[in-house]
C-alpha atoms as a PDB file:
ATOM      1  CA  MET A   1       0.275  -0.070   0.072  1.00  0.00           C
ATOM      2  CA  SER A   2       1.333   3.651  -0.860  1.00  0.00           C
ATOM      3  CA  PHE A   3       0.080   6.448   1.569  1.00  0.00           C
ATOM      4  CA  ARG A   4       0.566   9.962   2.108  1.00  0.00           C
ATOM      5  CA  ILE A   5       0.152  12.932   4.044  1.00  0.00           C
ATOM      6  CA  ARG A   6      -1.280  16.447   3.172  1.00  0.00           C
ATOM      7  CA  ILE A   7      -2.919  19.390   4.769  1.00  0.00           C
ATOM      8  CA  ALA A   8      -6.584  18.825   4.754  1.00  0.00           C
ATOM      9  CA  THR A   9      -9.367  21.093   3.263  1.00  0.00           C
ATOM     10  CA  PRO A  10     -13.064  21.431   3.969  1.00  0.00           C
ATOM     11  CA  ASP A  11     -13.762  19.064   1.720  1.00  0.00           C
ATOM     12  CA  ASP A  12     -12.765  16.237   2.657  1.00  0.00           C
ATOM     13  CA  ALA A  13     -15.685  17.160   5.253  1.00  0.00           C
ATOM     14  CA  GLU A  14     -17.952  14.778   4.187  1.00  0.00           C
ATOM     15  CA  GLU A  15     -14.681  11.570   4.059  1.00  0.00           C
ATOM     16  CA  LEU A  16     -13.285  12.613   7.349  1.00  0.00           C
ATOM     17  CA  LEU A  17     -16.906  12.509   9.201  1.00  0.00           C
ATOM     18  CA  GLY A  18     -17.314   9.138   7.943  1.00  0.00           C
ATOM     19  CA  LEU A  19     -14.381   7.800   9.192  1.00  0.00           C
ATOM     20  CA  TYR A  20     -14.805   9.554  12.855  1.00  0.00           C
ATOM     21  CA  ALA A  21     -18.573   9.117  13.243  1.00  0.00           C
ATOM     22  CA  PRO A  22     -18.184   5.886  14.611  1.00  0.00           C
ATOM     23  CA  TYR A  23     -15.761   7.099  17.265  1.00  0.00           C
ATOM     24  CA  VAL A  24     -18.962   9.205  18.460  1.00  0.00           C
ATOM     25  CA  ARG A  25     -21.777   6.424  18.014  1.00  0.00           C
ATOM     26  CA  ASP A  26     -19.503   3.262  19.096  1.00  0.00           C
ATOM     27  CA  THR A  27     -16.829   4.224  21.237  1.00  0.00           C
ATOM     28  CA  THR A  28     -16.250   6.249  24.291  1.00  0.00           C
ATOM     29  CA  ILE A  29     -12.803   6.978  22.524  1.00  0.00           C
ATOM     30  CA  SER A  30     -14.784  10.695  21.820  1.00  0.00           C
ATOM     31  CA  PHE A  31     -16.790  11.679  24.463  1.00  0.00           C
ATOM     32  CA  GLU A  32     -19.082  13.894  21.307  1.00  0.00           C
ATOM     33  CA  THR A  33     -22.438  11.094  21.988  1.00  0.00           C
ATOM     34  CA  GLU A  34     -24.013  13.366  18.665  1.00  0.00           C
ATOM     35  CA  VAL A  35     -22.068  12.789  15.078  1.00  0.00           C
ATOM     36  CA  PRO A  36     -21.796  16.638  14.001  1.00  0.00           C
ATOM     37  CA  THR A  37     -22.893  17.420  10.660  1.00  0.00           C
ATOM     38  CA  VAL A  38     -20.501  17.927   7.445  1.00  0.00           C
ATOM     39  CA  ASP A  39     -21.193  21.516   7.690  1.00  0.00           C
ATOM     40  CA  GLU A  40     -20.432  21.161  11.358  1.00  0.00           C
ATOM     41  CA  PHE A  41     -16.957  19.670  10.566  1.00  0.00           C
ATOM     42  CA  ARG A  42     -16.633  21.812   7.794  1.00  0.00           C
ATOM     43  CA  ALA A  43     -16.191  24.406  10.276  1.00  0.00           C
ATOM     44  CA  ARG A  44     -14.205  22.571  12.387  1.00  0.00           C
ATOM     45  CA  ILE A  45     -11.885  21.779   9.733  1.00  0.00           C
ATOM     46  CA  GLU A  46     -11.495  25.573   8.350  1.00  0.00           C
ATOM     47  CA  GLU A  47     -10.969  27.017  12.089  1.00  0.00           C
ATOM     48  CA  HIS A  48      -8.007  24.430  12.257  1.00  0.00           C
ATOM     49  CA  LEU A  49      -6.347  25.470   9.257  1.00  0.00           C
ATOM     50  CA  GLU A  50      -6.979  28.974  10.594  1.00  0.00           C
ATOM     51  CA  ASN A  51      -5.328  28.715  13.678  1.00  0.00           C
ATOM     52  CA  THR A  52      -3.524  25.591  13.478  1.00  0.00           C
ATOM     53  CA  CYS A  53      -3.148  22.410  11.491  1.00  0.00           C
ATOM     54  CA  HIS A  54      -4.963  19.223  10.230  1.00  0.00           C
ATOM     55  CA  LEU A  55      -3.570  16.219   8.448  1.00  0.00           C
ATOM     56  CA  VAL A  56      -4.857  13.603   6.614  1.00  0.00           C
ATOM     57  CA  LEU A  57      -3.560  10.135   6.088  1.00  0.00           C
ATOM     58  CA  GLU A  58      -4.538   8.784   2.806  1.00  0.00           C
ATOM     59  CA  ASP A  59      -4.210   5.657   1.135  1.00  0.00           C
ATOM     60  CA  ALA A  60      -3.034   6.534  -2.407  1.00  0.00           C
ATOM     61  CA  ASP A  61      -4.136   3.457  -4.131  1.00  0.00           C
ATOM     62  CA  ALA A  62      -7.127   2.718  -2.383  1.00  0.00           C
ATOM     63  CA  GLY A  63      -8.006   7.009  -3.132  1.00  0.00           C
ATOM     64  CA  ARG A  64      -9.370   7.182   0.637  1.00  0.00           C
ATOM     65  CA  ALA A  65      -8.462   8.279   4.150  1.00  0.00           C
ATOM     66  CA  ALA A  66      -7.032   6.372   6.693  1.00  0.00           C
ATOM     67  CA  GLY A  67      -6.902   8.830   9.548  1.00  0.00           C
ATOM     68  CA  PHE A  68      -6.208  12.129  10.105  1.00  0.00           C
ATOM     69  CA  ALA A  69      -4.916  14.342  12.933  1.00  0.00           C
ATOM     70  CA  TYR A  70      -5.005  18.193  14.297  1.00  0.00           C
ATOM     71  CA  ASN A  71      -3.969  20.008  17.052  1.00  0.00           C
ATOM     72  CA  SER A  72      -6.138  22.826  18.625  1.00  0.00           C
ATOM     73  CA  THR A  73      -6.245  25.244  21.197  1.00  0.00           C
ATOM     74  CA  PHE A  74      -5.547  23.712  24.709  1.00  0.00           C
ATOM     75  CA  ARG A  75      -7.358  26.687  26.650  1.00  0.00           C
ATOM     76  CA  ALA A  76      -8.645  30.387  25.895  1.00  0.00           C
ATOM     77  CA  ARG A  77      -6.611  32.608  28.359  1.00  0.00           C
ATOM     78  CA  PRO A  78      -3.682  33.827  26.619  1.00  0.00           C
ATOM     79  CA  ALA A  79      -1.080  32.350  29.364  1.00  0.00           C
ATOM     80  CA  TYR A  80      -2.025  28.945  27.588  1.00  0.00           C
ATOM     81  CA  ARG A  81      -0.826  29.471  23.869  1.00  0.00           C
ATOM     82  CA  TRP A  82       1.751  27.823  23.548  1.00  0.00           C
ATOM     83  CA  ALA A  83       0.462  24.791  24.503  1.00  0.00           C
ATOM     84  CA  SER A  84      -1.935  22.989  22.076  1.00  0.00           C
ATOM     85  CA  GLU A  85      -4.254  20.242  22.886  1.00  0.00           C
ATOM     86  CA  THR A  86      -3.858  17.206  19.127  1.00  0.00           C
ATOM     87  CA  SER A  87      -6.610  14.915  18.457  1.00  0.00           C
ATOM     88  CA  ILE A  88      -6.017  11.457  16.308  1.00  0.00           C
ATOM     89  CA  TYR A  89      -7.940   9.056  14.615  1.00  0.00           C
ATOM     90  CA  ILE A  90      -6.693   6.189  12.120  1.00  0.00           C
ATOM     91  CA  SER A  91      -9.325   4.302  10.199  1.00  0.00           C
ATOM     92  CA  GLU A  92     -10.013   0.759  12.151  1.00  0.00           C
ATOM     93  CA  ALA A  93      -8.396  -1.417   8.977  1.00  0.00           C
ATOM     94  CA  TYR A  94      -4.733   0.709   9.115  1.00  0.00           C
ATOM     95  CA  GLN A  95      -4.077   0.665  13.095  1.00  0.00           C
ATOM     96  CA  GLY A  96      -1.599  -1.492  14.346  1.00  0.00           C
ATOM     97  CA  HIS A  97       0.576  -0.741  11.401  1.00  0.00           C
ATOM     98  CA  GLY A  98       2.534   2.054  12.900  1.00  0.00           C
ATOM     99  CA  LEU A  99       1.156   4.539  10.677  1.00  0.00           C
ATOM    100  CA  GLY A 100      -0.286   6.717  13.612  1.00  0.00           C
ATOM    101  CA  ALA A 101       3.399   7.751  15.158  1.00  0.00           C
ATOM    102  CA  ILE A 102       4.335   9.213  11.357  1.00  0.00           C
ATOM    103  CA  LEU A 103       1.250  10.933  11.434  1.00  0.00           C
ATOM    104  CA  LEU A 104       1.765  12.422  15.072  1.00  0.00           C
ATOM    105  CA  GLU A 105       5.322  13.396  14.577  1.00  0.00           C
ATOM    106  CA  ALA A 106       4.329  15.540  11.223  1.00  0.00           C
ATOM    107  CA  LEU A 107       1.629  17.272  13.237  1.00  0.00           C
ATOM    108  CA  GLU A 108       4.609  17.801  16.145  1.00  0.00           C
ATOM    109  CA  ASN A 109       6.695  19.012  13.909  1.00  0.00           C
ATOM    110  CA  LEU A 110       3.967  21.503  12.261  1.00  0.00           C
ATOM    111  CA  MET A 111       3.700  22.475  15.864  1.00  0.00           C
ATOM    112  CA  ARG A 112       6.839  23.188  16.775  1.00  0.00           C
ATOM    113  CA  ALA A 113       6.935  25.332  13.166  1.00  0.00           C
ATOM    114  CA  GLN A 114       3.885  27.009  15.322  1.00  0.00           C
ATOM    115  CA  GLY A 115       5.691  27.798  18.335  1.00  0.00           C
ATOM    116  CA  ILE A 116       4.267  25.264  20.059  1.00  0.00           C
ATOM    117  CA  ARG A 117       6.123  24.657  22.899  1.00  0.00           C
ATOM    118  CA  MET A 118       3.448  21.894  25.071  1.00  0.00           C
ATOM    119  CA  SER A 119       1.773  18.818  22.997  1.00  0.00           C
ATOM    120  CA  GLU A 120      -1.218  17.988  25.267  1.00  0.00           C
ATOM    121  CA  ALA A 121      -3.382  14.628  24.879  1.00  0.00           C
ATOM    122  CA  CYS A 122      -6.632  13.949  26.681  1.00  0.00           C
ATOM    123  CA  ILE A 123      -7.163  10.246  26.151  1.00  0.00           C
ATOM    124  CA  THR A 124     -10.261   8.202  27.478  1.00  0.00           C
ATOM    125  CA  SER A 125      -8.538   6.350  30.846  1.00  0.00           C
ATOM    126  CA  SER A 126      -9.775   2.871  29.268  1.00  0.00           C
ATOM    127  CA  ASN A 127      -8.539   3.523  26.356  1.00  0.00           C
ATOM    128  CA  THR A 128      -5.186   1.714  26.893  1.00  0.00           C
ATOM    129  CA  ALA A 129      -3.971   1.102  23.502  1.00  0.00           C
ATOM    130  CA  SER A 130      -4.188   4.945  23.146  1.00  0.00           C
ATOM    131  CA  ILE A 131      -2.320   5.608  26.786  1.00  0.00           C
ATOM    132  CA  ALA A 132       0.809   3.117  25.125  1.00  0.00           C
ATOM    133  CA  PHE A 133       0.557   4.806  22.212  1.00  0.00           C
ATOM    134  CA  HIS A 134       1.570   8.173  23.109  1.00  0.00           C
ATOM    135  CA  ARG A 135       3.703   6.865  25.735  1.00  0.00           C
ATOM    136  CA  SER A 136       5.466   5.173  22.613  1.00  0.00           C
ATOM    137  CA  CYS A 137       6.031   8.381  21.103  1.00  0.00           C
ATOM    138  CA  GLY A 138       7.225   9.834  24.393  1.00  0.00           C
ATOM    139  CA  TYR A 139       4.203  11.690  25.812  1.00  0.00           C
ATOM    140  CA  ARG A 140       4.208  11.833  29.505  1.00  0.00           C
ATOM    141  CA  LEU A 141       1.629  10.923  32.221  1.00  0.00           C
ATOM    142  CA  CYS A 142       0.689  14.102  34.034  1.00  0.00           C
ATOM    143  CA  GLY A 143      -2.936  13.169  35.716  1.00  0.00           C
ATOM    144  CA  GLU A 144      -6.472  11.975  35.626  1.00  0.00           C
ATOM    145  CA  GLN A 145      -9.782  12.984  36.343  1.00  0.00           C
ATOM    146  CA  ALA A 146     -12.091  10.642  37.523  1.00  0.00           C
ATOM    147  CA  SER A 147     -15.426   9.673  36.611  1.00  0.00           C
ATOM    148  CA  CYS A 148     -15.954  12.884  34.883  1.00  0.00           C
ATOM    149  CA  GLY A 149     -17.439  12.096  31.503  1.00  0.00           C
ATOM    150  CA  TYR A 150     -20.278   9.195  31.101  1.00  0.00           C
ATOM    151  CA  LYS A 151     -21.694   8.132  27.365  1.00  0.00           C
ATOM    152  CA  LEU A 152     -23.344   4.435  26.769  1.00  0.00           C
ATOM    153  CA  GLY A 153     -23.946   3.444  29.854  1.00  0.00           C
ATOM    154  CA  THR A 154     -20.468   4.146  32.155  1.00  0.00           C
ATOM    155  CA  TRP A 155     -18.984   6.502  34.045  1.00  0.00           C
ATOM    156  CA  LEU A 156     -15.580   7.274  32.262  1.00  0.00           C
ATOM    157  CA  SER A 157     -12.496   9.026  33.837  1.00  0.00           C
ATOM    158  CA  ILE A 158      -9.708  10.594  31.111  1.00  0.00           C
ATOM    159  CA  THR A 159      -6.048  10.894  31.638  1.00  0.00           C
ATOM    160  CA  TRP A 160      -3.605  13.623  29.915  1.00  0.00           C
ATOM    161  CA  MET A 161      -0.103  13.013  28.922  1.00  0.00           C
ATOM    162  CA  GLU A 162       1.933  16.166  27.499  1.00  0.00           C
ATOM    163  CA  LYS A 163       5.270  16.290  25.161  1.00  0.00           C
ATOM    164  CA  GLN A 164       7.199  18.853  25.042  1.00  0.00           C
ATOM    165  CA  LEU A 165       8.249  19.634  22.150  1.00  0.00           C
ATOM    166  CA  LEU A 166      10.443  23.129  22.479  1.00  0.00           C
ATOM    167  CA  PRO A 167      12.870  24.592  24.704  1.00  0.00           C
ATOM    168  CA  LEU A 168      10.793  26.765  27.610  1.00  0.00           C
ATOM    169  CA  ASP A 169      12.893  29.488  26.994  1.00  0.00           C
ATOM    170  CA  THR A 170      12.311  33.098  28.614  1.00  0.00           C
ATOM    171  CA  ASP A 171       9.828  35.679  26.528  1.00  0.00           C
ATOM    172  CA  PRO A 172       9.146  33.177  24.113  1.00  0.00           C
ATOM    173  CA  GLU A 173       7.980  34.003  20.459  1.00  0.00           C
ATOM    174  CA  ALA A 174       3.621  34.045  20.265  1.00  0.00           C
ATOM    175  CA  PRO A 175       2.835  31.256  18.198  1.00  0.00           C
ATOM    176  CA  HIS A 176       2.077  31.541  14.651  1.00  0.00           C
ATOM    177  CA  ALA A 177       0.935  30.200  11.733  1.00  0.00           C
ATOM    178  CA  PRO A 178       3.518  27.666  10.391  1.00  0.00           C
ATOM    179  CA  SER A 179       5.184  29.413   7.214  1.00  0.00           C
ATOM    180  CA  PRO A 180       4.722  26.895   4.116  1.00  0.00           C
ATOM    181  CA  GLN A 181       8.363  25.921   3.767  1.00  0.00           C
ATOM    182  CA  ALA A 182       7.803  24.349   7.060  1.00  0.00           C
ATOM    183  CA  ILE A 183       5.046  22.958   6.135  1.00  0.00           C
ATOM    184  CA  GLU A 184       6.689  21.355   2.879  1.00  0.00           C
ATOM    185  CA  ALA A 185       9.423  20.008   5.071  1.00  0.00           C
ATOM    186  CA  ALA A 186       7.389  18.684   7.738  1.00  0.00           C
ATOM    187  CA  LEU A 187       4.834  16.913   4.733  1.00  0.00           C
ATOM    188  CA  ALA A 188       7.993  16.020   3.304  1.00  0.00           C
ATOM    189  CA  ALA A 189       9.895  14.235   5.852  1.00  0.00           C
ATOM    190  CA  ALA A 190       6.621  12.270   6.219  1.00  0.00           C
ATOM    191  CA  ASN A 191       5.972  11.045   2.963  1.00  0.00           C
ATOM    192  CA  GLU A 192       9.777  10.033   2.862  1.00  0.00           C
ATOM    193  CA  ARG A 193       9.317   8.485   6.252  1.00  0.00           C
ATOM    194  CA  LEU A 194       5.827   6.545   4.721  1.00  0.00           C
ATOM    195  CA  ALA A 195       7.663   5.940   1.184  1.00  0.00           C
ATOM    196  CA  SER A 196      10.130   3.617   3.401  1.00  0.00           C
ATOM    197  CA  HIS A 197       7.376   2.457   5.911  1.00  0.00           C
END
């Protein structure tokens, strides 16, 4: 199989929503309880493209999305702006092949290009596979909130993990959109890894 990673576009909304919807309907991985509409999902992609990054992992041979990842605002208050929360979803058919690690690494490289210092991941505590995945990608456990969610008849806890992406220097430059050159370099590195994977 041949894969590539690219920047998402609003026109990806319907296909990516199709990939995401089972996580909402059938699992506790997402804390959403209603599948968003295509228009709502398109608006989310547009917001990510304006303020952060949104990537698509494509199965080029099959001509379909195999996964996606994005970073988003961690908390609203200004002092939090050097931290960003990540989300990554891989279609079940493509899990277990190391593709998620390459996709997450590409996102982290773009976050570095934005000036993001800390990558934050919020994971359902029962999702031990995701916790192990993030640990293998260099994330550390930093806390748990017990029974703060309820879905599909179950009380759910969340685990927070984080990874430092850049030095925690004094007087850091404010985060910004990555340059076209940084985007091109991050995607080229990721796609070279995929080609040799």
